[in-house]
Full PDB file with SEQRES, HELIX, SHEET, SSBOND, CRYST1, ORIGX, SCALE, CONECT and MASTER records, all heavy atoms in Angstrom:
SEQRES   1 A   30  LEU GLY LEU PHE GLY LEU THR ASP THR VAL LYS LEU ALA          
SEQRES   2 A   30  GLU ALA GLU LEU SER ASN ALA VAL ALA ALA LEU LYS ASN          
SEQRES   3 A   30  GLY GLN ILE ASP                                              
HELIX    1 AA1 LEU A   17  ASN A   19  5                                   3    
HELIX    2 AA2 ALA A   20  LYS A   25  1                                   6    
CRYST1    1.000    1.000    1.000  90.00  90.00  90.00 P 1           1          
ORIGX1      1.000000  0.000000  0.000000        0.00000                         
ORIGX2      0.000000  1.000000  0.000000        0.00000                         
ORIGX3      0.000000  0.000000  1.000000        0.00000                         
SCALE1      1.000000  0.000000  0.000000        0.00000                         
SCALE2      0.000000  1.000000  0.000000        0.00000                         
SCALE3      0.000000  0.000000  1.000000        0.00000                         
ATOM      1  N   LEU A   1    -106.474 -80.577 211.345  1.00  0.00           N  
ATOM      2  CA  LEU A   1    -105.321 -81.431 211.634  1.00  0.00           C  
ATOM      3  C   LEU A   1    -105.637 -82.881 211.293  1.00  0.00           C  
ATOM      4  O   LEU A   1    -104.799 -83.604 210.757  1.00  0.00           O  
ATOM      5  CB  LEU A   1    -104.916 -81.303 213.097  1.00  0.00           C  
ATOM      6  CG  LEU A   1    -104.386 -79.939 213.549  1.00  0.00           C  
ATOM      7  CD1 LEU A   1    -104.017 -79.978 215.026  1.00  0.00           C  
ATOM      8  CD2 LEU A   1    -103.189 -79.494 212.709  1.00  0.00           C  
ATOM      9  N   GLY A   2    -106.864 -83.301 211.588  1.00  0.00           N  
ATOM     10  CA  GLY A   2    -107.286 -84.653 211.244  1.00  0.00           C  
ATOM     11  C   GLY A   2    -107.409 -84.844 209.744  1.00  0.00           C  
ATOM     12  O   GLY A   2    -106.947 -85.861 209.190  1.00  0.00           O  
ATOM     13  N   LEU A   3    -107.995 -83.862 209.057  1.00  0.00           N  
ATOM     14  CA  LEU A   3    -108.183 -83.959 207.608  1.00  0.00           C  
ATOM     15  C   LEU A   3    -106.854 -84.044 206.870  1.00  0.00           C  
ATOM     16  O   LEU A   3    -106.736 -84.713 205.843  1.00  0.00           O  
ATOM     17  CB  LEU A   3    -108.967 -82.744 207.106  1.00  0.00           C  
ATOM     18  CG  LEU A   3    -110.446 -82.656 207.471  1.00  0.00           C  
ATOM     19  CD1 LEU A   3    -111.009 -81.311 207.031  1.00  0.00           C  
ATOM     20  CD2 LEU A   3    -111.236 -83.782 206.819  1.00  0.00           C  
ATOM     21  N   PHE A   4    -105.834 -83.359 207.391  1.00  0.00           N  
ATOM     22  CA  PHE A   4    -104.550 -83.293 206.707  1.00  0.00           C  
ATOM     23  C   PHE A   4    -103.538 -84.287 207.268  1.00  0.00           C  
ATOM     24  O   PHE A   4    -102.346 -84.221 206.958  1.00  0.00           O  
ATOM     25  CB  PHE A   4    -103.974 -81.873 206.794  1.00  0.00           C  
ATOM     26  CG  PHE A   4    -104.909 -80.792 206.303  1.00  0.00           C  
ATOM     27  CD1 PHE A   4    -104.812 -79.498 206.784  1.00  0.00           C  
ATOM     28  CD2 PHE A   4    -105.899 -81.067 205.360  1.00  0.00           C  
ATOM     29  CE1 PHE A   4    -105.672 -78.497 206.342  1.00  0.00           C  
ATOM     30  CE2 PHE A   4    -106.767 -80.082 204.912  1.00  0.00           C  
ATOM     31  CZ  PHE A   4    -106.653 -78.794 205.407  1.00  0.00           C  
ATOM     32  N   GLY A   5    -104.008 -85.252 208.101  1.00  0.00           N  
ATOM     33  CA  GLY A   5    -103.142 -86.305 208.613  1.00  0.00           C  
ATOM     34  C   GLY A   5    -102.096 -85.843 209.605  1.00  0.00           C  
ATOM     35  O   GLY A   5    -100.993 -86.406 209.661  1.00  0.00           O  
ATOM     36  N   LEU A   6    -102.435 -84.828 210.415  1.00  0.00           N  
ATOM     37  CA  LEU A   6    -101.456 -84.238 211.326  1.00  0.00           C  
ATOM     38  C   LEU A   6    -101.775 -84.454 212.802  1.00  0.00           C  
ATOM     39  O   LEU A   6    -101.033 -83.982 213.668  1.00  0.00           O  
ATOM     40  CB  LEU A   6    -101.351 -82.729 211.056  1.00  0.00           C  
ATOM     41  CG  LEU A   6    -100.801 -82.328 209.678  1.00  0.00           C  
ATOM     42  CD1 LEU A   6    -101.095 -80.858 209.398  1.00  0.00           C  
ATOM     43  CD2 LEU A   6     -99.304 -82.590 209.608  1.00  0.00           C  
ATOM     44  N   THR A   7    -102.868 -85.154 213.084  1.00  0.00           N  
ATOM     45  CA  THR A   7    -103.316 -85.299 214.468  1.00  0.00           C  
ATOM     46  C   THR A   7    -102.239 -85.855 215.386  1.00  0.00           C  
ATOM     47  O   THR A   7    -102.053 -85.379 216.507  1.00  0.00           O  
ATOM     48  CB  THR A   7    -104.570 -86.193 214.529  1.00  0.00           C  
ATOM     49  OG1 THR A   7    -105.610 -85.580 213.750  1.00  0.00           O  
ATOM     50  CG2 THR A   7    -105.050 -86.364 215.954  1.00  0.00           C  
ATOM     51  N   ASP A   8    -101.512 -86.855 214.913  1.00  0.00           N  
ATOM     52  CA  ASP A   8    -100.521 -87.524 215.769  1.00  0.00           C  
ATOM     53  C   ASP A   8     -99.131 -86.895 215.695  1.00  0.00           C  
ATOM     54  O   ASP A   8     -98.218 -87.324 216.409  1.00  0.00           O  
ATOM     55  CB  ASP A   8    -100.423 -89.012 215.389  1.00  0.00           C  
ATOM     56  CG  ASP A   8    -101.732 -89.749 215.624  1.00  0.00           C  
ATOM     57  OD1 ASP A   8    -102.448 -89.385 216.573  1.00  0.00           O  
ATOM     58  OD2 ASP A   8    -102.033 -90.679 214.843  1.00  0.00           O  
ATOM     59  N   THR A   9     -98.968 -85.881 214.857  1.00  0.00           N  
ATOM     60  CA  THR A   9     -97.629 -85.315 214.685  1.00  0.00           C  
ATOM     61  C   THR A   9     -97.496 -83.895 215.227  1.00  0.00           C  
ATOM     62  O   THR A   9     -96.383 -83.392 215.395  1.00  0.00           O  
ATOM     63  CB  THR A   9     -97.228 -85.314 213.201  1.00  0.00           C  
ATOM     64  OG1 THR A   9     -98.147 -84.506 212.458  1.00  0.00           O  
ATOM     65  CG2 THR A   9     -97.224 -86.723 212.642  1.00  0.00           C  
ATOM     66  N   VAL A  10     -98.623 -83.241 215.481  1.00  0.00           N  
ATOM     67  CA  VAL A  10     -98.606 -81.878 216.009  1.00  0.00           C  
ATOM     68  C   VAL A  10     -98.775 -81.907 217.524  1.00  0.00           C  
ATOM     69  O   VAL A  10     -99.615 -82.633 218.055  1.00  0.00           O  
ATOM     70  CB  VAL A  10     -99.722 -81.022 215.373  1.00  0.00           C  
ATOM     71  CG1 VAL A  10     -99.878 -79.687 216.112  1.00  0.00           C  
ATOM     72  CG2 VAL A  10     -99.427 -80.769 213.900  1.00  0.00           C  
ATOM     73  N   LYS A  11     -97.975 -81.138 218.229  1.00  0.00           N  
ATOM     74  CA  LYS A  11     -98.086 -81.037 219.675  1.00  0.00           C  
ATOM     75  C   LYS A  11     -99.044 -79.890 220.003  1.00  0.00           C  
ATOM     76  O   LYS A  11     -98.859 -78.767 219.538  1.00  0.00           O  
ATOM     77  CB  LYS A  11     -96.715 -80.754 220.302  1.00  0.00           C  
ATOM     78  CG  LYS A  11     -95.654 -81.792 219.962  1.00  0.00           C  
ATOM     79  CD  LYS A  11     -94.273 -81.330 220.451  1.00  0.00           C  
ATOM     80  CE  LYS A  11     -93.182 -82.292 220.010  1.00  0.00           C  
ATOM     81  NZ  LYS A  11     -91.826 -81.805 220.405  1.00  0.00           N  
ATOM     82  N   LEU A  12    -100.059 -80.200 220.818  1.00  0.00           N  
ATOM     83  CA  LEU A  12    -101.048 -79.180 221.172  1.00  0.00           C  
ATOM     84  C   LEU A  12    -100.708 -78.558 222.513  1.00  0.00           C  
ATOM     85  O   LEU A  12    -100.529 -79.267 223.507  1.00  0.00           O  
ATOM     86  CB  LEU A  12    -102.454 -79.791 221.210  1.00  0.00           C  
ATOM     87  CG  LEU A  12    -102.974 -80.366 219.885  1.00  0.00           C  
ATOM     88  CD1 LEU A  12    -104.389 -80.887 220.072  1.00  0.00           C  
ATOM     89  CD2 LEU A  12    -102.938 -79.299 218.791  1.00  0.00           C  
ATOM     90  N   ALA A  13    -100.637 -77.241 222.546  1.00  0.00           N  
ATOM     91  CA  ALA A  13    -100.327 -76.525 223.791  1.00  0.00           C  
ATOM     92  C   ALA A  13    -101.571 -76.467 224.669  1.00  0.00           C  
ATOM     93  O   ALA A  13    -102.678 -76.225 224.177  1.00  0.00           O  
ATOM     94  CB  ALA A  13     -99.847 -75.113 223.475  1.00  0.00           C  
ATOM     95  N   GLU A  14    -101.390 -76.693 225.963  1.00  0.00           N  
ATOM     96  CA  GLU A  14    -102.497 -76.634 226.920  1.00  0.00           C  
ATOM     97  C   GLU A  14    -102.596 -75.211 227.461  1.00  0.00           C  
ATOM     98  O   GLU A  14    -102.040 -74.875 228.496  1.00  0.00           O  
ATOM     99  CB  GLU A  14    -102.272 -77.633 228.054  1.00  0.00           C  
ATOM    100  CG  GLU A  14    -102.369 -79.085 227.630  1.00  0.00           C  
ATOM    101  CD  GLU A  14    -103.786 -79.467 227.199  1.00  0.00           C  
ATOM    102  OE1 GLU A  14    -104.741 -78.871 227.745  1.00  0.00           O  
ATOM    103  OE2 GLU A  14    -103.942 -80.338 226.330  1.00  0.00           O  
ATOM    104  N   ALA A  15    -103.281 -74.358 226.734  1.00  0.00           N  
ATOM    105  CA  ALA A  15    -103.429 -72.965 227.155  1.00  0.00           C  
ATOM    106  C   ALA A  15    -104.653 -72.363 226.466  1.00  0.00           C  
ATOM    107  O   ALA A  15    -105.158 -72.907 225.478  1.00  0.00           O  
ATOM    108  CB  ALA A  15    -102.179 -72.161 226.798  1.00  0.00           C  
ATOM    109  N   GLU A  16    -105.129 -71.256 227.016  1.00  0.00           N  
ATOM    110  CA  GLU A  16    -106.262 -70.560 226.427  1.00  0.00           C  
ATOM    111  C   GLU A  16    -105.790 -69.690 225.265  1.00  0.00           C  
ATOM    112  O   GLU A  16    -104.641 -69.220 225.236  1.00  0.00           O  
ATOM    113  CB  GLU A  16    -106.945 -69.683 227.474  1.00  0.00           C  
ATOM    114  CG  GLU A  16    -107.548 -70.448 228.641  1.00  0.00           C  
ATOM    115  CD  GLU A  16    -108.696 -71.363 228.222  1.00  0.00           C  
ATOM    116  OE1 GLU A  16    -109.358 -71.049 227.198  1.00  0.00           O  
ATOM    117  OE2 GLU A  16    -108.936 -72.372 228.907  1.00  0.00           O  
ATOM    118  N   LEU A  17    -106.690 -69.463 224.313  1.00  0.00           N  
ATOM    119  CA  LEU A  17    -106.341 -68.665 223.135  1.00  0.00           C  
ATOM    120  C   LEU A  17    -105.947 -67.242 223.536  1.00  0.00           C  
ATOM    121  O   LEU A  17    -105.165 -66.585 222.840  1.00  0.00           O  
ATOM    122  CB  LEU A  17    -107.514 -68.635 222.155  1.00  0.00           C  
ATOM    123  CG  LEU A  17    -107.266 -67.981 220.801  1.00  0.00           C  
ATOM    124  CD1 LEU A  17    -106.153 -68.697 220.039  1.00  0.00           C  
ATOM    125  CD2 LEU A  17    -108.537 -67.946 219.962  1.00  0.00           C  
ATOM    126  N   SER A  18    -106.473 -66.755 224.644  1.00  0.00           N  
ATOM    127  CA  SER A  18    -106.133 -65.403 225.101  1.00  0.00           C  
ATOM    128  C   SER A  18    -104.641 -65.257 225.403  1.00  0.00           C  
ATOM    129  O   SER A  18    -104.109 -64.146 225.440  1.00  0.00           O  
ATOM    130  CB  SER A  18    -106.951 -65.032 226.343  1.00  0.00           C  
ATOM    131  OG  SER A  18    -106.740 -65.975 227.381  1.00  0.00           O  
ATOM    132  N   ASN A  19    -103.966 -66.377 225.619  1.00  0.00           N  
ATOM    133  CA  ASN A  19    -102.523 -66.351 225.903  1.00  0.00           C  
ATOM    134  C   ASN A  19    -101.669 -66.561 224.653  1.00  0.00           C  
ATOM    135  O   ASN A  19    -100.434 -66.612 224.750  1.00  0.00           O  
ATOM    136  CB  ASN A  19    -102.171 -67.447 226.920  1.00  0.00           C  
ATOM    137  CG  ASN A  19    -102.891 -67.243 228.242  1.00  0.00           C  
ATOM    138  OD1 ASN A  19    -103.055 -66.122 228.694  1.00  0.00           O  
ATOM    139  ND2 ASN A  19    -103.317 -68.337 228.859  1.00  0.00           N  
ATOM    140  N   ALA A  20    -102.308 -66.681 223.491  1.00  0.00           N  
ATOM    141  CA  ALA A  20    -101.594 -67.104 222.284  1.00  0.00           C  
ATOM    142  C   ALA A  20    -100.504 -66.124 221.864  1.00  0.00           C  
ATOM    143  O   ALA A  20     -99.383 -66.538 221.539  1.00  0.00           O  
ATOM    144  CB  ALA A  20    -102.581 -67.308 221.142  1.00  0.00           C  
ATOM    145  N   VAL A  21    -100.812 -64.850 221.836  1.00  0.00           N  
ATOM    146  CA  VAL A  21     -99.836 -63.881 221.334  1.00  0.00           C  
ATOM    147  C   VAL A  21     -98.601 -63.845 222.222  1.00  0.00           C  
ATOM    148  O   VAL A  21     -97.462 -63.884 221.728  1.00  0.00           O  
ATOM    149  CB  VAL A  21    -100.471 -62.480 221.225  1.00  0.00           C  
ATOM    150  CG1 VAL A  21     -99.405 -61.448 220.846  1.00  0.00           C  
ATOM    151  CG2 VAL A  21    -101.594 -62.479 220.189  1.00  0.00           C  
ATOM    152  N   ALA A  22     -98.799 -63.803 223.537  1.00  0.00           N  
ATOM    153  CA  ALA A  22     -97.663 -63.791 224.455  1.00  0.00           C  
ATOM    154  C   ALA A  22     -96.837 -65.066 224.328  1.00  0.00           C  
ATOM    155  O   ALA A  22     -95.604 -65.028 224.317  1.00  0.00           O  
ATOM    156  CB  ALA A  22     -98.158 -63.618 225.898  1.00  0.00           C  
ATOM    157  N   ALA A  23     -97.524 -66.208 224.224  1.00  0.00           N  
ATOM    158  CA  ALA A  23     -96.818 -67.486 224.101  1.00  0.00           C  
ATOM    159  C   ALA A  23     -96.035 -67.570 222.799  1.00  0.00           C  
ATOM    160  O   ALA A  23     -94.937 -68.152 222.748  1.00  0.00           O  
ATOM    161  CB  ALA A  23     -97.817 -68.641 224.193  1.00  0.00           C  
ATOM    162  N   LEU A  24     -96.586 -66.988 221.738  1.00  0.00           N  
ATOM    163  CA  LEU A  24     -95.889 -66.986 220.449  1.00  0.00           C  
ATOM    164  C   LEU A  24     -94.633 -66.122 220.533  1.00  0.00           C  
ATOM    165  O   LEU A  24     -93.553 -66.522 220.073  1.00  0.00           O  
ATOM    166  CB  LEU A  24     -96.824 -66.457 219.356  1.00  0.00           C  
ATOM    167  CG  LEU A  24     -96.293 -66.559 217.912  1.00  0.00           C  
ATOM    168  CD1 LEU A  24     -96.453 -67.986 217.396  1.00  0.00           C  
ATOM    169  CD2 LEU A  24     -97.037 -65.594 216.991  1.00  0.00           C  
ATOM    170  N   LYS A  25     -94.768 -64.956 221.126  1.00  0.00           N  
ATOM    171  CA  LYS A  25     -93.646 -64.020 221.175  1.00  0.00           C  
ATOM    172  C   LYS A  25     -92.497 -64.525 222.037  1.00  0.00           C  
ATOM    173  O   LYS A  25     -91.329 -64.260 221.734  1.00  0.00           O  
ATOM    174  CB  LYS A  25     -94.142 -62.661 221.680  1.00  0.00           C  
ATOM    175  CG  LYS A  25     -95.020 -61.928 220.671  1.00  0.00           C  
ATOM    176  CD  LYS A  25     -95.437 -60.560 221.176  1.00  0.00           C  
ATOM    177  CE  LYS A  25     -96.251 -59.828 220.125  1.00  0.00           C  
ATOM    178  NZ  LYS A  25     -96.667 -58.471 220.571  1.00  0.00           N  
ATOM    179  N   ASN A  26     -92.833 -65.252 223.133  1.00  0.00           N  
ATOM    180  CA  ASN A  26     -91.739 -65.717 223.999  1.00  0.00           C  
ATOM    181  C   ASN A  26     -91.244 -67.117 223.639  1.00  0.00           C  
ATOM    182  O   ASN A  26     -90.437 -67.701 224.367  1.00  0.00           O  
ATOM    183  CB  ASN A  26     -92.134 -65.645 225.477  1.00  0.00           C  
ATOM    184  CG  ASN A  26     -93.308 -66.553 225.828  1.00  0.00           C  
ATOM    185  OD1 ASN A  26     -93.516 -67.582 225.200  1.00  0.00           O  
ATOM    186  ND2 ASN A  26     -94.072 -66.166 226.836  1.00  0.00           N  
ATOM    187  N   GLY A  27     -91.748 -67.659 222.518  1.00  0.00           N  
ATOM    188  CA  GLY A  27     -91.227 -68.921 222.014  1.00  0.00           C  
ATOM    189  C   GLY A  27     -91.793 -70.172 222.655  1.00  0.00           C  
ATOM    190  O   GLY A  27     -91.298 -71.269 222.393  1.00  0.00           O  
ATOM    191  N   GLN A  28     -92.863 -70.051 223.444  1.00  0.00           N  
ATOM    192  CA  GLN A  28     -93.476 -71.238 224.059  1.00  0.00           C  
ATOM    193  C   GLN A  28     -94.214 -72.085 223.037  1.00  0.00           C  
ATOM    194  O   GLN A  28     -94.362 -73.297 223.220  1.00  0.00           O  
ATOM    195  CB  GLN A  28     -94.439 -70.816 225.169  1.00  0.00           C  
ATOM    196  CG  GLN A  28     -93.767 -70.257 226.411  1.00  0.00           C  
ATOM    197  CD  GLN A  28     -94.780 -69.829 227.443  1.00  0.00           C  
ATOM    198  OE1 GLN A  28     -95.518 -68.858 227.258  1.00  0.00           O  
ATOM    199  NE2 GLN A  28     -94.832 -70.562 228.544  1.00  0.00           N  
ATOM    200  N   ILE A  29     -94.710 -71.455 221.976  1.00  0.00           N  
ATOM    201  CA  ILE A  29     -95.411 -72.177 220.921  1.00  0.00           C  
ATOM    202  C   ILE A  29     -94.846 -71.747 219.571  1.00  0.00           C  
ATOM    203  O   ILE A  29     -94.216 -70.686 219.450  1.00  0.00           O  
ATOM    204  CB  ILE A  29     -96.933 -71.911 220.945  1.00  0.00           C  
ATOM    205  CG1 ILE A  29     -97.218 -70.402 220.781  1.00  0.00           C  
ATOM    206  CG2 ILE A  29     -97.562 -72.457 222.227  1.00  0.00           C  
ATOM    207  CD1 ILE A  29     -98.700 -70.055 220.674  1.00  0.00           C  
ATOM    208  N   ASP A  30     -95.072 -72.593 218.569  1.00  0.00           N  
ATOM    209  CA  ASP A  30     -94.656 -72.247 217.209  1.00  0.00           C  
ATOM    210  C   ASP A  30     -95.747 -71.512 216.447  1.00  0.00           C  
ATOM    211  O   ASP A  30     -95.461 -70.829 215.459  1.00  0.00           O  
ATOM    212  CB  ASP A  30     -94.284 -73.522 216.445  1.00  0.00           C  
ATOM    213  CG  ASP A  30     -93.088 -74.234 217.063  1.00  0.00           C  
ATOM    214  OD1 ASP A  30     -92.028 -73.598 217.204  1.00  0.00           O  
ATOM    215  OD2 ASP A  30     -93.233 -75.422 217.429  1.00  0.00           O  
TER     216      ASP A  30                                                      
MASTER        0    0    0    2    0    0    0    6  215    1    0    3          
END                                                                             
């Protein structure tokens, strides 16, 4: 994100990676 100039434009979700699939499916994250 830093290399591609996205650090200040991407919103980071405060969650563990183990929750990623569920969060993706229910629309909590992109």
